[in-house]
Protein backbone atom coordinates (compact mmCIF):
# COMPACT_ATOMS: atom_id res chain seq x y z
CA MET A 1 -21.47 7.05 -11.54
CA THR A 2 -18.25 8.18 -14.20
CA TYR A 3 -14.82 6.98 -14.01
CA PRO A 4 -11.58 8.28 -15.63
CA VAL A 5 -10.78 4.64 -16.93
CA ASP A 6 -12.09 1.96 -18.86
CA LEU A 7 -13.17 -0.40 -16.37
CA SER A 8 -14.17 -3.09 -18.47
CA VAL A 9 -10.25 -3.99 -19.43
CA LYS A 10 -9.36 -7.67 -17.85
CA SER A 11 -5.93 -6.81 -16.38
CA GLU A 12 -3.57 -9.66 -15.38
CA VAL A 13 -2.43 -9.65 -12.49
CA SER A 14 -0.15 -12.16 -10.60
CA ALA A 15 0.25 -12.42 -6.82
CA HIS A 16 2.83 -12.27 -4.70
CA PHE A 17 2.45 -13.68 -0.48
CA ASP A 18 5.15 -12.96 1.80
CA GLU A 19 5.19 -15.23 4.72
CA ALA A 20 7.32 -12.98 6.69
CA THR A 21 4.81 -9.81 6.83
CA ASN A 22 2.13 -11.14 5.51
CA THR A 23 2.24 -8.74 2.33
CA ILE A 24 0.80 -9.81 -0.65
CA SER A 25 2.72 -7.45 -3.98
CA TYR A 26 1.09 -7.27 -7.40
CA ILE A 27 2.53 -8.04 -10.74
CA VAL A 28 -0.58 -6.03 -13.22
CA LYS A 29 -0.54 -6.78 -16.48
CA ASP A 30 -1.44 -4.72 -19.61
CA PRO A 31 -3.75 -7.35 -21.84
CA ALA A 32 -2.78 -5.74 -24.96
CA SER A 33 1.08 -4.95 -24.50
CA ASP A 34 3.86 -6.35 -22.73
CA HIS A 35 3.51 -3.66 -19.75
CA CYS A 36 3.25 -4.24 -16.26
CA ALA A 37 3.76 -2.85 -12.74
CA ILE A 38 4.41 -3.35 -9.86
CA ILE A 39 2.38 -3.22 -6.17
CA ASP A 40 3.51 -3.14 -3.16
CA SER A 41 6.67 -4.43 -3.03
CA VAL A 42 8.39 -6.01 0.12
CA MET A 43 12.02 -5.61 1.20
CA ASP A 44 13.55 -8.29 3.30
CA ILE A 45 14.68 -7.59 6.82
CA ASP A 46 15.79 -9.90 9.70
CA TYR A 47 15.33 -6.74 12.36
CA ALA A 48 17.37 -8.87 15.45
CA ALA A 49 20.48 -8.80 13.21
CA GLY A 50 19.97 -5.89 10.95
CA ARG A 51 19.92 -7.10 8.13
CA ILE A 52 17.95 -6.79 4.73
CA THR A 53 18.52 -9.00 2.49
CA TYR A 54 16.11 -8.94 -1.47
CA ASP A 55 14.43 -12.54 -1.94
CA HIS A 56 10.86 -11.72 -2.18
CA ALA A 57 11.87 -8.91 -4.32
CA ASP A 58 13.80 -11.22 -6.75
CA ALA A 59 10.81 -13.09 -7.42
CA LEU A 60 9.46 -10.08 -8.87
CA ILE A 61 11.86 -9.37 -10.68
CA ALA A 62 12.09 -12.93 -12.07
CA GLU A 63 8.75 -12.88 -13.18
CA VAL A 64 9.74 -9.56 -14.45
CA GLN A 65 11.81 -10.78 -16.65
CA GLY A 66 11.37 -14.37 -16.89
CA ARG A 67 7.80 -13.28 -19.08
CA GLY A 68 9.91 -10.69 -20.73
CA LEU A 69 8.03 -7.96 -19.25
CA THR A 70 8.58 -4.09 -19.46
CA LEU A 71 8.24 -2.58 -16.18
CA ASP A 72 6.24 1.22 -16.36
CA TRP A 73 5.40 1.48 -12.47
CA ILE A 74 6.48 0.92 -9.51
CA ILE A 75 3.03 1.93 -7.28
CA GLU A 76 3.00 2.08 -3.36
CA THR A 77 -0.04 2.35 -1.87
CA HIS A 78 0.86 4.16 0.63
CA VAL A 79 3.99 4.71 3.22
CA HIS A 80 3.96 1.15 4.69
CA ALA A 81 4.09 0.96 8.41
CA ASP A 82 4.69 -3.47 8.72
CA HIS A 83 6.56 -4.05 6.00
CA LEU A 84 9.93 -1.99 3.61
CA SER A 85 9.48 -1.16 0.91
CA ALA A 86 11.95 -2.44 -2.20
CA ALA A 87 11.56 0.27 -5.06
CA PRO A 88 14.35 1.16 -5.42
CA TYR A 89 16.03 -2.17 -5.82
CA ILE A 90 13.28 -3.50 -8.25
CA GLN A 91 14.15 -0.06 -10.33
CA GLN A 92 17.39 -0.29 -10.49
CA LYS A 93 17.33 -3.74 -12.05
CA LEU A 94 13.93 -3.14 -13.94
CA GLY A 95 13.58 0.45 -14.44
CA GLY A 96 10.07 1.88 -13.80
CA LYS A 97 8.66 5.31 -12.17
CA ILE A 98 8.23 4.76 -8.21
CA GLY A 99 5.30 6.52 -7.29
CA VAL A 100 2.33 7.66 -4.54
CA GLY A 101 0.15 9.68 -3.32
CA GLU A 102 0.64 13.61 -3.11
CA LYS A 103 0.09 12.95 0.66
CA ILE A 104 3.11 11.78 1.24
CA MET A 105 4.40 15.19 2.39
CA VAL A 106 2.42 15.31 5.14
CA VAL A 107 3.58 11.82 6.70
CA GLN A 108 7.13 12.76 5.96
CA GLU A 109 6.49 16.05 7.73
CA THR A 110 5.00 14.06 10.92
CA PHE A 111 7.30 11.24 10.81
CA GLY A 112 10.34 13.47 10.15
CA LYS A 113 9.68 15.08 13.41
CA VAL A 114 8.86 11.77 15.47
CA PHE A 115 12.82 10.97 13.73
CA ASN A 116 14.65 14.05 14.64
CA GLU A 117 15.22 13.80 10.71
CA GLY A 118 17.86 16.92 9.98
CA THR A 119 17.20 19.51 6.97
CA GLU A 120 18.96 17.58 4.64
CA PHE A 121 15.37 15.34 4.92
CA GLN A 122 13.14 16.73 2.14
CA ARG A 123 10.15 16.60 2.62
CA ASP A 124 8.13 17.53 0.14
CA GLY A 125 7.88 14.01 -1.36
CA SER A 126 11.23 13.78 -4.16
CA GLN A 127 12.03 10.85 -3.21
CA PHE A 128 9.42 9.29 -5.61
CA ASP A 129 9.23 10.17 -9.17
CA ALA A 130 5.13 11.05 -9.02
CA LEU A 131 3.11 12.34 -6.60
CA PHE A 132 -0.92 11.01 -7.33
CA LYS A 133 -3.96 13.92 -6.98
CA ASP A 134 -6.91 12.06 -6.05
CA GLY A 135 -8.47 10.39 -9.84
CA GLU A 136 -5.28 11.57 -11.51
CA THR A 137 -5.08 9.13 -14.25
CA TYR A 138 -1.65 6.66 -15.75
CA LYS A 139 -0.46 4.41 -18.29
CA ILE A 140 0.45 0.88 -17.63
CA GLY A 141 1.06 0.51 -21.49
CA THR A 142 -1.72 0.87 -23.21
CA MET A 143 -4.37 0.60 -20.29
CA GLN A 144 -6.01 3.80 -18.28
CA ALA A 145 -5.04 3.84 -14.51
CA PHE A 146 -6.33 5.83 -11.63
CA ALA A 147 -5.46 6.75 -8.10
CA MET A 148 -8.50 7.27 -5.85
CA TYR A 149 -7.64 9.03 -2.13
CA THR A 150 -9.19 7.11 0.57
CA PRO A 151 -7.20 8.58 3.81
CA GLY A 152 -8.23 7.49 7.34
CA HIS A 153 -5.25 4.31 8.18
CA THR A 154 -3.10 7.44 6.96
CA PRO A 155 -3.10 10.75 5.40
CA ALA A 156 -1.32 9.56 1.77
CA CYS A 157 -3.53 5.99 1.41
CA MET A 158 -5.19 5.69 -2.43
CA VAL A 159 -6.14 2.30 -4.22
CA HIS A 160 -5.45 2.03 -7.15
CA VAL A 161 -7.91 0.75 -10.09
CA ILE A 162 -6.37 -0.90 -13.19
CA GLY A 163 -8.88 -2.31 -15.07
CA ASP A 164 -11.13 -4.07 -13.53
CA ALA A 165 -9.01 -4.35 -10.58
CA ALA A 166 -8.77 -2.52 -7.91
CA PHE A 167 -5.46 -2.59 -5.36
CA ALA A 168 -7.36 -1.41 -1.69
CA GLY A 169 -4.18 -1.21 0.47
CA ASP A 170 -4.71 -0.88 3.77
CA THR A 171 -8.55 0.52 3.42
CA LEU A 172 -9.72 -2.69 3.16
CA PHE A 173 -8.94 -6.17 4.17
CA MET A 174 -10.88 -9.29 3.44
CA PRO A 175 -14.57 -9.11 3.84
CA ASP A 176 -13.83 -12.17 7.27
CA GLY A 177 -10.69 -9.59 8.26
CA GLY A 178 -12.73 -5.85 8.48
CA SER A 179 -10.66 -2.24 7.14
CA ALA A 180 -7.47 -1.31 9.09
CA ARG A 181 -6.74 -0.14 11.72
CA ALA A 182 -6.92 4.47 11.65
CA ASP A 183 -5.12 5.28 15.12
CA PHE A 184 -1.94 6.12 13.72
CA PRO A 185 -0.57 9.61 13.51
CA GLY A 186 -2.79 11.11 11.23
CA GLY A 187 -5.08 8.16 10.51
CA ASP A 188 -9.33 8.94 11.53
CA ALA A 189 -11.76 6.32 11.79
CA GLY A 190 -14.38 8.02 10.56
CA VAL A 191 -12.71 9.55 7.42
CA LEU A 192 -11.53 5.87 6.81
CA TYR A 193 -15.42 5.14 7.24
CA ASP A 194 -15.76 7.94 3.89
CA SER A 195 -13.36 6.50 1.76
CA ILE A 196 -13.95 2.99 2.14
CA GLN A 197 -17.80 3.90 1.16
CA LYS A 198 -16.11 5.50 -2.12
CA VAL A 199 -14.83 1.61 -2.40
CA LEU A 200 -17.62 0.60 -2.11
CA ALA A 201 -19.12 2.93 -5.11
CA LEU A 202 -17.22 0.94 -7.23
CA PRO A 203 -19.00 -1.38 -9.61
CA ASP A 204 -20.27 -4.20 -7.94
CA GLU A 205 -18.66 -6.82 -9.94
CA MET A 206 -14.88 -4.96 -9.25
CA ARG A 207 -12.31 -7.22 -8.48
CA LEU A 208 -10.72 -6.09 -4.78
CA PHE A 209 -6.82 -7.05 -4.34
CA MET A 210 -5.71 -6.82 -0.50
CA CYS A 211 -2.12 -5.52 0.91
CA HIS A 212 -2.40 -7.79 3.74
CA ASP A 213 -3.99 -11.01 4.85
CA TYR A 214 -3.67 -12.89 8.18
CA GLY A 215 -5.81 -16.02 7.47
CA PRO A 216 -8.57 -15.42 10.32
CA ASN A 217 -9.81 -18.21 11.88
CA ASP A 218 -7.29 -20.33 10.62
CA ARG A 219 -8.61 -20.14 6.46
CA ALA A 220 -6.10 -19.77 3.95
CA ILE A 221 -4.61 -16.69 3.33
CA ALA A 222 -6.13 -15.20 0.48
CA TRP A 223 -6.00 -11.73 -1.20
CA GLU A 224 -8.54 -11.35 -3.92
CA THR A 225 -12.69 -10.32 -3.62
CA THR A 226 -15.15 -8.41 -4.90
CA VAL A 227 -17.16 -4.96 -4.31
CA ALA A 228 -20.29 -6.96 -4.30
CA ALA A 229 -18.88 -9.17 -1.42
CA GLN A 230 -17.43 -6.25 0.67
CA LYS A 231 -21.22 -4.87 0.49
CA ALA A 232 -22.70 -7.73 2.09
CA ASP A 233 -20.38 -9.34 4.04
CA ASN A 234 -17.26 -7.44 5.17
CA ILE A 235 -17.01 -7.71 9.47
CA HIS A 236 -16.92 -4.07 10.30
CA VAL A 237 -18.88 -1.99 7.38
CA GLY A 238 -20.60 -4.56 5.36
CA GLY A 239 -24.99 -4.96 5.81
CA GLY A 240 -24.91 -1.07 6.01
CA LYS A 241 -23.64 -0.70 9.19
CA SER A 242 -22.96 3.09 10.23
CA ARG A 243 -20.70 5.77 10.44
CA THR A 244 -21.46 5.79 13.88
CA ASP A 245 -21.05 2.35 14.76
CA PHE A 246 -17.85 1.80 12.73
CA ILE A 247 -16.32 4.77 14.40
CA LYS A 248 -16.95 3.47 17.85
CA PHE A 249 -16.24 -0.63 16.56
CA ARG A 250 -12.85 1.37 15.53
CA THR A 251 -11.51 3.58 18.25
CA GLU A 252 -11.94 0.29 20.78
CA ARG A 253 -10.90 -1.98 19.14
CA ASP A 254 -7.70 -0.38 17.82
CA ALA A 255 -6.73 1.36 21.60
CA GLN A 256 -6.22 -3.17 21.90
CA LEU A 257 -3.69 -3.33 19.09
CA ALA A 258 0.00 -3.15 19.37
CA MET A 259 1.93 -1.85 17.37
CA PRO A 260 3.10 -3.38 14.20
CA LYS A 261 6.69 -5.17 14.49
CA LEU A 262 8.11 -3.30 11.85
CA ILE A 263 6.93 0.12 12.25
CA ILE A 264 9.99 2.16 13.15
CA PRO A 265 12.76 0.43 10.17
CA SER A 266 9.31 0.48 7.90
CA LEU A 267 8.60 4.27 8.11
CA GLN A 268 11.85 5.03 8.00
CA VAL A 269 12.61 3.80 5.19
CA ASN A 270 9.44 4.14 3.68
CA MET A 271 8.94 7.60 3.34
CA ARG A 272 11.82 7.95 1.94
CA ALA A 273 10.33 5.77 -1.37
CA GLY A 274 12.83 2.77 -0.30
CA GLU A 275 15.42 3.93 0.64
CA VAL A 276 17.39 3.35 3.87
CA PRO A 277 18.79 5.99 6.02
CA ARG A 278 22.21 7.23 5.87
CA ASP A 279 24.39 8.20 8.96
CA LYS A 280 27.12 10.75 8.55
CA ASP A 281 29.43 8.89 7.35
CA GLY A 282 27.07 7.53 4.83
CA ASN A 283 26.09 3.38 6.29
CA PRO A 284 22.83 2.61 6.24
CA MET A 285 21.33 2.95 9.98
CA LEU A 286 18.23 2.87 11.11
CA LYS A 287 16.78 5.55 14.80
CA VAL A 288 14.83 4.38 17.13
CA PRO A 289 12.97 7.31 18.49
CA ILE A 290 11.75 6.52 22.93
CA ASN A 291 8.42 6.90 23.33
CA ALA A 292 7.30 8.45 20.20
CA ILE A 293 4.71 7.05 18.58
């Protein structure tokens, strides 16, 4: 299979784990320049207190500044349901363009109805600086990257391939963690299986970086694996497991899962590219829809 970028480039990856949400954010540097991207940043929230802070984002910013890097991109692999994006805060401090998959418009339309957003909420993805199409390339310094459309968990999921590293979002977890749920509005277990097969068609030696890890069976938190390891050992899709078996397992498993603790604030913020919605007086304000998700 041919790809639109050079997969032999050794991108430099720095991982930042957020314990509160089990999210891993990444700084990805072009080895031939001082340019970088940030993938799946986190804004801290004390939901019970209604308080937002930026410790995790500040750590990313400090590293970029401390290494003298230029930030080209702030990438969202999808509209996360379990943590809030810090993209606008980081952009204000460091610049860069905020990018997400073009199917964000499907997510905005779906959850614009759930949260009863008015006509002032634009459902055209205009809150983001770039809307990636499947296979579209972009540059981090001199290094080319491309976005691979991988729906199933959500309608707007994309895996970003940057040199010899691919950032999987929630499409895959570590081999002993399996795969993401597919029961959110717009999700589909069969489509997720097909998307995973696209990822597993990447070269065996491709490094894969996860967006989340929960340390199953009390192992240490981990976030890096390979395509070969996933094909061989992933508990949900490895070893040639069939599409039919995956759909059956995923559907039964998802029916047992509770909603993520931060799904209500996360969706409202992340479909706005990390901006907190405001009430009619301009005050930051979140809604809680009843029996709607």
